[in-house]
Amino acid sequence: MLITADWVLPISRRPIRNGGVLVGRDRVIEVGPARELVRLSGANDHRHFDGCAVMPGLVNAHTHLTLTALAGLIGPSPFEIWLPQLIKAIQSWTPAEHAASAALGVQRCLLSGVTVVGDIVYGPEPVSASCEAGLGGTVFWEVLGIHPAQLFAELERKEFPPVKAIPSSIIRVRYGLSPHSSYTSGPGLLKAVHEAAAMLGVPFAIHVAESVVECDLLHRGEGPLAESVKHLAKDFVMPCMGAVPYLDSLGVLDGATAIHLCQMLPTEIPILAASARGVITCPRSNRYLGSNPPEIGTMLKAGIPVGIGTDSQASNTDLDLISELRELRQSDSHLTYSQLLEMTTAMGAKALGLEDRFGILERDMQADLAIFRVGKTADPEKTVVEVAGAGTLEAVLSAGVWRVLDGELCSPRPEIEEEAEAATRWAATALRS
């Protein structure tokens, strides 16, 4: 199959005017000028997208798809007010509600050009929804609030898969572990989860320095999290330091995907550069929760791969990843358009440990494409950042299969919306009680 357009943005090299992507099954065969690929392929299966730009499927590097049905239920508020409301909203959900909410999130990802996610999950439901719809990525099973000795029993209860039994070369979804944060898991559990991830050979992710109240807890042992940490973070002792040096002292930043970093000091960036796999920022969620934007430019200069996520719809208006770029550019105008697009593709994939299959358009990579309407433009990178998104999405290909055409899902499932509405009603009722 040959796909051509006014522009192809491989990310790994400069944009190609009148370019094309030749796809065979689930892999990219070649990328280059359309005229050359037409001669090379000799195939009849050729689809041209006029006035469009083709780029790798976007990487939403941090989200919680199972919380999608909470959209609009908890308004913008400081983290310490928002978090208890979130917990209250989902306490009434059964696995069926989690599954419906996750399936809705998967659809909304595809409709914004996302084919790869870094998803935090609490059970197998979101994974099934992602696989069925053609999403790839890394899904991190979250465990928190338990003693280290309970870890493997808890993973079994949450149906964490037997990762060794699945050859990673034939799957699009990798499994990982996350102990959530320094204030929901004590030092023993943080180390136990990190050691389990290393033993199993799976990725490790953790929320780091997300809020002011997290800093208050770690530095002074006070603030709104002081009471809850007694129940969740077993054996927690105030470290009198920030989250980055604290987690580094425990050895759990080694190879980690670090998420948020809103309250990190610039002097702590070298610690991340020396240890973490990468960093994920969630610009609009940060604003929603009143958090500071992190030092993205400084982290990039330090050589840290920085991906972008939407976080969940419990702290965002939608899952439109390109909108995050516009938010980020407002806070740091020095970021170039090519850097911003790389953050939603290649760097996001690298931060998740998926750079061997996603994030760029080159030979042998997964056949994942996002195609946006950009009109007549001489600067496609700028145009994508400034005007693209869910409203200009033309098509999505993942694993060599069309998932979206003419801006619509190829295999719509109206029942997902209905089932998710039921989950929304349950959560709304819980919040009112």
Protein backbone atom coordinates (compact mmCIF):
# COMPACT_ATOMS: atom_id res chain seq x y z
CA MET A 1 0.00 0.00 0.00
CA LEU A 2 1.32 3.42 -0.98
CA ILE A 3 0.20 6.53 0.92
CA THR A 4 1.13 9.93 -0.48
CA ALA A 5 0.39 13.52 0.53
CA ASP A 6 1.53 17.11 0.05
CA TRP A 7 3.93 16.57 2.94
CA VAL A 8 5.45 13.66 4.82
CA LEU A 9 7.03 14.42 8.21
CA PRO A 10 9.27 11.43 9.07
CA ILE A 11 10.48 13.26 12.26
CA SER A 12 13.84 11.49 11.88
CA ARG A 13 14.69 13.82 8.97
CA ARG A 14 13.39 16.95 7.30
CA PRO A 15 9.84 17.12 5.89
CA ILE A 16 9.42 15.71 2.39
CA ARG A 17 7.31 17.77 -0.02
CA ASN A 18 5.07 15.57 -2.20
CA GLY A 19 6.20 12.59 -0.16
CA GLY A 20 4.98 9.07 0.39
CA VAL A 21 5.09 6.08 2.74
CA LEU A 22 5.14 2.57 1.34
CA VAL A 23 3.59 0.06 3.74
CA GLY A 24 3.71 -3.72 3.73
CA ARG A 25 1.44 -5.44 6.23
CA ASP A 26 2.21 -3.83 9.60
CA ARG A 27 5.60 -2.32 8.70
CA VAL A 28 6.98 0.65 6.80
CA ILE A 29 8.87 -0.49 3.70
CA GLU A 30 10.16 2.88 2.50
CA VAL A 31 9.69 6.63 2.92
CA GLY A 32 10.60 9.24 0.33
CA PRO A 33 9.43 11.37 -2.59
CA ALA A 34 6.11 10.10 -3.93
CA ARG A 35 7.35 9.91 -7.52
CA GLU A 36 10.15 7.52 -6.55
CA LEU A 37 7.89 5.33 -4.44
CA VAL A 38 5.33 5.02 -7.23
CA ARG A 39 8.07 3.62 -9.47
CA LEU A 40 9.36 1.38 -6.68
CA SER A 41 6.02 -0.09 -5.64
CA GLY A 42 4.24 -0.58 -8.93
CA ALA A 43 1.20 -1.26 -6.78
CA ASN A 44 -2.38 -0.40 -7.55
CA ASP A 45 -3.17 0.21 -3.88
CA HIS A 46 -2.31 3.92 -3.78
CA ARG A 47 -4.16 6.51 -1.71
CA HIS A 48 -3.32 10.22 -1.99
CA PHE A 49 -4.26 12.79 0.66
CA ASP A 50 -4.44 16.20 -0.95
CA GLY A 51 -3.73 19.20 1.29
CA CYS A 52 -2.51 16.92 4.09
CA ALA A 53 0.60 16.11 6.11
CA VAL A 54 1.50 12.54 7.03
CA MET A 55 3.43 11.93 10.23
CA PRO A 56 4.03 9.03 12.62
CA GLY A 57 1.10 8.02 14.79
CA LEU A 58 1.20 10.33 17.80
CA VAL A 59 2.49 9.11 21.18
CA ASN A 60 0.33 10.14 24.14
CA ALA A 61 3.06 9.27 26.60
CA HIS A 62 1.07 9.65 29.81
CA THR A 63 -2.63 9.10 30.26
CA HIS A 64 -5.19 7.22 32.34
CA LEU A 65 -7.68 6.02 29.74
CA THR A 66 -9.80 4.29 32.35
CA LEU A 67 -10.73 7.74 33.73
CA THR A 68 -12.11 9.08 30.43
CA ALA A 69 -15.73 8.91 31.58
CA LEU A 70 -14.96 11.43 34.33
CA ALA A 71 -14.68 14.24 31.78
CA GLY A 72 -16.22 17.44 33.13
CA LEU A 73 -17.13 16.02 36.54
CA ILE A 74 -14.27 17.56 38.52
CA GLY A 75 -13.52 21.15 37.59
CA PRO A 76 -10.11 22.83 37.50
CA SER A 77 -8.82 23.01 41.07
CA PRO A 78 -5.65 22.72 43.14
CA PHE A 79 -4.25 19.21 43.28
CA GLU A 80 -5.08 18.70 46.96
CA ILE A 81 -8.78 19.47 46.26
CA TRP A 82 -8.95 17.55 43.00
CA LEU A 83 -7.36 14.28 44.21
CA PRO A 84 -9.95 13.35 46.91
CA GLN A 85 -12.73 14.07 44.42
CA LEU A 86 -11.11 11.74 41.90
CA ILE A 87 -10.88 8.93 44.42
CA LYS A 88 -14.48 9.44 45.47
CA ALA A 89 -15.70 9.43 41.87
CA ILE A 90 -14.25 6.04 40.92
CA GLN A 91 -14.85 4.15 44.15
CA SER A 92 -18.30 3.11 42.93
CA TRP A 93 -17.03 1.66 39.65
CA THR A 94 -16.96 -2.04 38.86
CA PRO A 95 -14.61 -3.54 36.23
CA ALA A 96 -17.41 -3.00 33.69
CA GLU A 97 -17.34 0.77 34.24
CA HIS A 98 -13.55 0.83 34.04
CA ALA A 99 -13.71 -1.13 30.78
CA ALA A 100 -16.31 1.18 29.22
CA SER A 101 -14.42 4.30 30.24
CA ALA A 102 -11.15 2.94 28.86
CA ALA A 103 -12.77 1.93 25.56
CA LEU A 104 -14.11 5.47 25.18
CA GLY A 105 -10.60 6.82 25.82
CA VAL A 106 -9.16 4.54 23.15
CA GLN A 107 -11.64 5.87 20.58
CA ARG A 108 -10.84 9.47 21.50
CA CYS A 109 -7.12 8.77 21.17
CA LEU A 110 -7.56 7.45 17.64
CA LEU A 111 -9.73 10.44 16.74
CA SER A 112 -6.87 12.76 17.70
CA GLY A 113 -4.21 10.88 15.73
CA VAL A 114 -2.76 8.91 18.65
CA THR A 115 -1.73 5.31 17.98
CA VAL A 116 0.65 4.84 20.94
CA VAL A 117 -0.01 5.43 24.64
CA GLY A 118 1.79 5.34 27.95
CA ASP A 119 -1.26 4.30 29.95
CA ILE A 120 -1.57 3.84 33.71
CA VAL A 121 -3.93 0.95 34.42
CA TYR A 122 -5.44 -0.71 37.48
CA GLY A 123 -6.37 -3.98 35.79
CA PRO A 124 -6.56 -5.62 32.34
CA GLU A 125 -9.60 -3.74 30.97
CA PRO A 126 -7.80 -0.81 29.29
CA VAL A 127 -5.25 -3.18 27.75
CA SER A 128 -7.95 -5.23 26.06
CA ALA A 129 -9.62 -2.10 24.71
CA SER A 130 -6.31 -0.75 23.36
CA CYS A 131 -5.30 -4.00 21.68
CA GLU A 132 -8.71 -4.51 20.07
CA ALA A 133 -8.66 -1.01 18.57
CA GLY A 134 -5.08 -1.17 17.32
CA LEU A 135 -3.31 1.06 19.83
CA GLY A 136 0.26 0.23 20.82
CA GLY A 137 2.37 1.46 23.71
CA THR A 138 3.37 0.69 27.27
CA VAL A 139 0.75 0.07 29.93
CA PHE A 140 1.88 0.42 33.52
CA TRP A 141 0.06 -1.58 36.20
CA GLU A 142 -0.25 0.75 39.19
CA VAL A 143 0.18 -0.55 42.74
CA LEU A 144 0.17 1.60 45.86
CA GLY A 145 -0.72 1.68 49.55
CA ILE A 146 0.47 -1.87 50.33
CA HIS A 147 3.41 -3.50 52.11
CA PRO A 148 6.25 -4.69 49.87
CA ALA A 149 5.54 -8.32 50.80
CA GLN A 150 2.09 -7.99 49.25
CA LEU A 151 3.34 -6.85 45.84
CA PHE A 152 3.13 -10.05 43.82
CA ALA A 153 -0.17 -11.08 45.36
CA GLU A 154 -1.53 -7.64 44.44
CA LEU A 155 -0.25 -7.95 40.87
CA GLU A 156 -1.91 -11.34 40.60
CA ARG A 157 -5.16 -9.88 41.93
CA LYS A 158 -4.97 -7.12 39.31
CA GLU A 159 -4.26 -9.73 36.61
CA PHE A 160 -0.80 -8.50 35.67
CA PRO A 161 0.16 -10.68 32.70
CA PRO A 162 2.94 -13.30 32.63
CA VAL A 163 5.26 -11.08 30.59
CA LYS A 164 7.93 -13.71 30.05
CA ALA A 165 5.42 -15.83 28.15
CA ILE A 166 4.87 -13.20 25.44
CA PRO A 167 7.69 -12.55 22.93
CA SER A 168 8.11 -8.77 22.84
CA SER A 169 9.02 -8.86 19.15
CA ILE A 170 5.49 -9.80 18.12
CA ILE A 171 3.43 -7.45 20.26
CA ARG A 172 2.59 -3.76 20.03
CA VAL A 173 1.82 -3.38 23.72
CA ARG A 174 4.45 -3.73 26.45
CA TYR A 175 3.63 -4.19 30.12
CA GLY A 176 5.20 -2.17 32.91
CA LEU A 177 4.89 -1.33 36.59
CA SER A 178 4.30 1.88 38.53
CA PRO A 179 4.13 2.52 42.29
CA HIS A 180 2.39 5.83 41.53
CA SER A 181 4.38 8.29 43.66
CA SER A 182 6.51 9.03 46.72
CA TYR A 183 3.42 9.86 48.80
CA THR A 184 1.28 6.81 47.97
CA SER A 185 4.03 4.18 48.25
CA GLY A 186 6.54 3.93 51.08
CA PRO A 187 10.27 3.52 50.42
CA GLY A 188 10.06 -0.25 50.74
CA LEU A 189 7.32 -0.57 48.13
CA LEU A 190 9.01 1.92 45.79
CA LYS A 191 12.14 -0.22 45.80
CA ALA A 192 10.20 -3.48 45.58
CA VAL A 193 8.28 -2.37 42.47
CA HIS A 194 11.47 -1.09 40.84
CA GLU A 195 13.25 -4.37 41.59
CA ALA A 196 10.28 -6.38 40.29
CA ALA A 197 10.32 -4.41 37.03
CA ALA A 198 14.04 -5.11 36.63
CA MET A 199 13.57 -8.80 37.40
CA LEU A 200 10.70 -9.12 34.91
CA GLY A 201 12.43 -6.98 32.30
CA VAL A 202 9.58 -4.49 32.05
CA PRO A 203 9.47 -0.65 32.11
CA PHE A 204 8.99 1.34 35.31
CA ALA A 205 7.17 4.70 35.61
CA ILE A 206 6.50 7.05 38.50
CA HIS A 207 4.80 10.40 39.13
CA VAL A 208 7.45 12.84 40.37
CA ALA A 209 7.24 16.35 41.85
CA GLU A 210 3.74 16.91 40.51
CA SER A 211 2.43 19.42 43.04
CA VAL A 212 3.33 21.97 45.72
CA VAL A 213 1.67 19.80 48.37
CA GLU A 214 3.99 16.92 47.47
CA CYS A 215 6.95 19.25 48.11
CA ASP A 216 5.45 20.35 51.43
CA LEU A 217 5.18 16.74 52.50
CA LEU A 218 8.70 15.71 51.47
CA HIS A 219 10.45 18.81 52.80
CA ARG A 220 8.49 19.51 55.98
CA GLY A 221 6.18 16.56 56.60
CA GLU A 222 3.13 18.81 56.50
CA GLY A 223 0.26 19.85 54.27
CA PRO A 224 -2.86 18.14 52.89
CA LEU A 225 -1.01 14.89 52.06
CA ALA A 226 0.41 14.41 55.55
CA GLU A 227 -2.59 12.44 56.83
CA SER A 228 -3.13 10.24 53.78
CA VAL A 229 0.54 9.31 53.56
CA LYS A 230 0.20 7.60 56.96
CA HIS A 231 -2.34 5.17 55.48
CA LEU A 232 -0.79 4.68 52.04
CA ALA A 233 2.99 5.05 52.19
CA LYS A 234 4.03 2.35 54.64
CA ASP A 235 7.19 3.22 56.61
CA PHE A 236 7.40 6.69 55.08
CA VAL A 237 9.89 8.98 56.80
CA MET A 238 10.13 12.63 55.82
CA PRO A 239 13.30 12.86 53.69
CA CYS A 240 13.69 16.67 53.94
CA MET A 241 14.44 16.90 50.21
CA GLY A 242 12.62 17.13 46.90
CA ALA A 243 11.06 14.20 45.07
CA VAL A 244 13.88 13.85 42.53
CA PRO A 245 16.77 13.49 45.02
CA TYR A 246 14.57 11.39 47.32
CA LEU A 247 13.68 8.86 44.64
CA ASP A 248 17.25 8.90 43.38
CA SER A 249 18.49 8.08 46.90
CA LEU A 250 16.26 4.99 46.82
CA GLY A 251 17.64 3.97 43.42
CA VAL A 252 14.22 4.00 41.75
CA LEU A 253 14.93 6.66 39.11
CA ASP A 254 17.33 4.28 37.36
CA GLY A 255 15.77 3.58 33.96
CA ALA A 256 12.49 5.16 35.04
CA THR A 257 9.94 7.08 33.03
CA ALA A 258 9.45 10.15 35.25
CA ILE A 259 6.10 11.93 34.93
CA HIS A 260 5.21 15.61 35.54
CA LEU A 261 8.29 17.22 37.24
CA CYS A 262 6.36 20.47 37.84
CA GLN A 263 8.12 21.23 41.13
CA MET A 264 11.62 20.12 40.22
CA LEU A 265 14.53 22.49 40.76
CA PRO A 266 16.82 23.19 37.78
CA THR A 267 19.74 21.90 39.87
CA GLU A 268 18.04 18.49 40.01
CA ILE A 269 17.96 18.06 36.22
CA PRO A 270 21.43 16.43 36.08
CA ILE A 271 20.12 13.69 38.38
CA LEU A 272 17.42 12.85 35.84
CA ALA A 273 19.83 13.08 32.94
CA ALA A 274 22.09 10.52 34.62
CA SER A 275 19.39 8.03 35.53
CA ALA A 276 15.91 8.31 34.00
CA ARG A 277 14.85 6.76 30.71
CA GLY A 278 12.89 9.91 29.95
CA VAL A 279 10.42 12.49 31.21
CA ILE A 280 6.75 13.10 30.39
CA THR A 281 5.05 16.48 30.71
CA CYS A 282 1.28 17.12 30.62
CA PRO A 283 0.90 20.86 29.92
CA ARG A 284 -2.88 21.33 29.99
CA SER A 285 -3.36 19.02 32.97
CA ASN A 286 -0.71 21.01 34.82
CA ARG A 287 -2.70 24.19 34.23
CA TYR A 288 -5.96 22.41 35.18
CA LEU A 289 -4.47 21.49 38.57
CA GLY A 290 -2.65 24.78 39.11
CA SER A 291 0.83 23.30 38.73
CA ASN A 292 3.86 25.11 37.33
CA PRO A 293 5.14 24.22 33.86
CA PRO A 294 8.38 22.23 34.16
CA GLU A 295 11.77 23.31 32.78
CA ILE A 296 11.36 21.56 29.42
CA GLY A 297 13.97 23.55 27.50
CA THR A 298 16.60 22.91 30.16
CA MET A 299 15.81 19.19 30.22
CA LEU A 300 16.12 18.98 26.43
CA LYS A 301 19.49 20.74 26.58
CA ALA A 302 20.57 18.15 29.16
CA GLY A 303 19.78 15.40 26.64
CA ILE A 304 16.69 14.06 28.40
CA PRO A 305 13.99 12.68 26.05
CA VAL A 306 10.79 14.58 26.85
CA GLY A 307 7.45 13.16 25.79
CA ILE A 308 4.02 14.72 26.09
CA GLY A 309 0.81 13.33 27.58
CA THR A 310 -2.71 14.54 28.09
CA ASP A 311 -3.05 12.87 31.49
CA SER A 312 -6.68 11.82 31.98
CA GLN A 313 -9.92 13.57 31.14
CA ALA A 314 -10.46 13.91 34.85
CA SER A 315 -7.90 16.74 34.66
CA ASN A 316 -8.19 17.83 31.04
CA THR A 317 -10.83 18.91 28.58
CA ASP A 318 -10.02 16.25 25.97
CA LEU A 319 -7.35 13.84 24.72
CA ASP A 320 -6.22 16.00 21.78
CA LEU A 321 -2.43 15.68 21.98
CA ILE A 322 -1.58 18.41 19.46
CA SER A 323 -3.41 20.91 21.69
CA GLU A 324 -0.78 20.15 24.33
CA LEU A 325 1.87 21.54 21.97
CA ARG A 326 0.12 24.87 21.72
CA GLU A 327 -0.14 25.04 25.51
CA LEU A 328 3.54 24.18 25.84
CA ARG A 329 4.62 26.76 23.28
CA GLN A 330 2.75 29.44 25.22
CA SER A 331 4.85 28.70 28.30
CA ASP A 332 8.14 28.33 26.37
CA SER A 333 8.29 30.14 23.02
CA HIS A 334 11.92 29.07 22.55
CA LEU A 335 10.85 25.51 21.73
CA THR A 336 11.00 25.00 17.98
CA TYR A 337 8.20 23.46 15.94
CA SER A 338 10.37 20.46 15.08
CA GLN A 339 11.18 19.92 18.78
CA LEU A 340 7.51 20.06 19.69
CA LEU A 341 6.55 17.49 17.04
CA GLU A 342 9.42 15.26 18.11
CA MET A 343 8.08 15.35 21.65
CA THR A 344 4.74 13.94 20.48
CA THR A 345 6.43 11.20 18.45
CA ALA A 346 10.07 10.07 18.66
CA MET A 347 10.90 11.41 22.12
CA GLY A 348 7.63 10.15 23.56
CA ALA A 349 8.40 6.69 22.18
CA LYS A 350 11.93 6.83 23.59
CA ALA A 351 10.73 7.93 27.02
CA LEU A 352 8.50 4.82 27.04
CA GLY A 353 11.22 2.48 25.75
CA LEU A 354 9.46 2.01 22.40
CA GLU A 355 11.83 3.77 20.01
CA ASP A 356 12.57 0.50 18.21
CA ARG A 357 9.06 0.38 16.75
CA PHE A 358 7.25 3.72 17.05
CA GLY A 359 7.77 7.47 16.76
CA ILE A 360 9.41 7.91 13.34
CA LEU A 361 8.64 7.00 9.75
CA GLU A 362 11.52 4.85 8.58
CA ARG A 363 12.00 1.38 7.15
CA ASP A 364 10.89 -1.51 9.40
CA MET A 365 9.08 0.72 11.90
CA GLN A 366 5.45 -0.04 12.74
CA ALA A 367 3.05 1.20 10.04
CA ASP A 368 1.44 3.84 12.26
CA LEU A 369 0.44 7.10 10.55
CA ALA A 370 -1.52 10.20 11.54
CA ILE A 371 -2.70 12.34 8.64
CA PHE A 372 -3.84 15.93 9.22
CA ARG A 373 -5.37 18.49 6.87
CA VAL A 374 -2.96 21.42 6.64
CA GLY A 375 -3.98 23.11 3.38
CA LYS A 376 -1.37 24.74 1.18
CA THR A 377 1.65 25.48 3.35
CA ALA A 378 5.37 25.94 2.91
CA ASP A 379 6.05 25.17 6.58
CA PRO A 380 4.21 21.95 7.52
CA GLU A 381 5.77 21.64 10.98
CA LYS A 382 4.57 25.08 12.00
CA THR A 383 1.15 24.48 10.47
CA VAL A 384 0.67 21.14 12.25
CA VAL A 385 1.56 22.66 15.62
CA GLU A 386 -0.59 25.76 15.14
CA VAL A 387 -3.74 24.35 13.50
CA ALA A 388 -3.77 20.54 13.54
CA GLY A 389 -5.55 18.34 16.04
CA ALA A 390 -8.73 16.34 16.38
CA GLY A 391 -10.64 18.90 14.30
CA THR A 392 -8.32 18.54 11.30
CA LEU A 393 -7.64 14.80 11.48
CA GLU A 394 -8.12 13.12 8.12
CA ALA A 395 -6.96 9.54 8.69
CA VAL A 396 -5.14 7.17 11.02
CA LEU A 397 -3.35 3.94 10.17
CA SER A 398 -2.05 1.63 12.88
CA ALA A 399 -0.34 -1.73 12.37
CA GLY A 400 -1.05 -1.23 8.66
CA VAL A 401 -4.84 -1.08 9.18
CA TRP A 402 -7.01 1.99 8.59
CA ARG A 403 -8.62 3.02 11.89
CA VAL A 404 -9.87 6.48 10.85
CA LEU A 405 -10.81 7.74 7.38
CA ASP A 406 -12.40 11.07 6.46
CA GLY A 407 -12.09 12.00 10.13
CA GLU A 408 -14.40 9.14 11.23
CA LEU A 409 -13.73 5.81 12.89
CA CYS A 410 -13.66 2.97 10.37
CA SER A 411 -15.28 0.59 12.87
CA PRO A 412 -17.46 2.75 15.10
CA ARG A 413 -18.98 1.19 18.21
CA PRO A 414 -21.87 3.37 19.41
CA GLU A 415 -22.42 1.11 22.41
CA ILE A 416 -19.14 2.33 23.90
CA GLU A 417 -20.57 5.84 24.31
CA GLU A 418 -23.69 4.44 25.97
CA GLU A 419 -21.75 2.22 28.37
CA ALA A 420 -19.40 5.06 29.27
CA GLU A 421 -22.36 7.35 29.97
CA ALA A 422 -23.48 4.87 32.61
CA ALA A 423 -20.03 5.06 34.22
CA THR A 424 -20.27 8.86 34.17
CA ARG A 425 -23.65 8.75 35.92
CA TRP A 426 -22.30 6.43 38.66
CA ALA A 427 -19.36 8.75 39.25
CA ALA A 428 -21.54 11.85 39.29
CA THR A 429 -23.82 10.23 41.86
CA ALA A 430 -20.82 9.35 44.03
CA LEU A 431 -19.56 12.94 43.89
CA ARG A 432 -22.95 14.28 45.00
CA SER A 433 -23.22 11.92 47.97
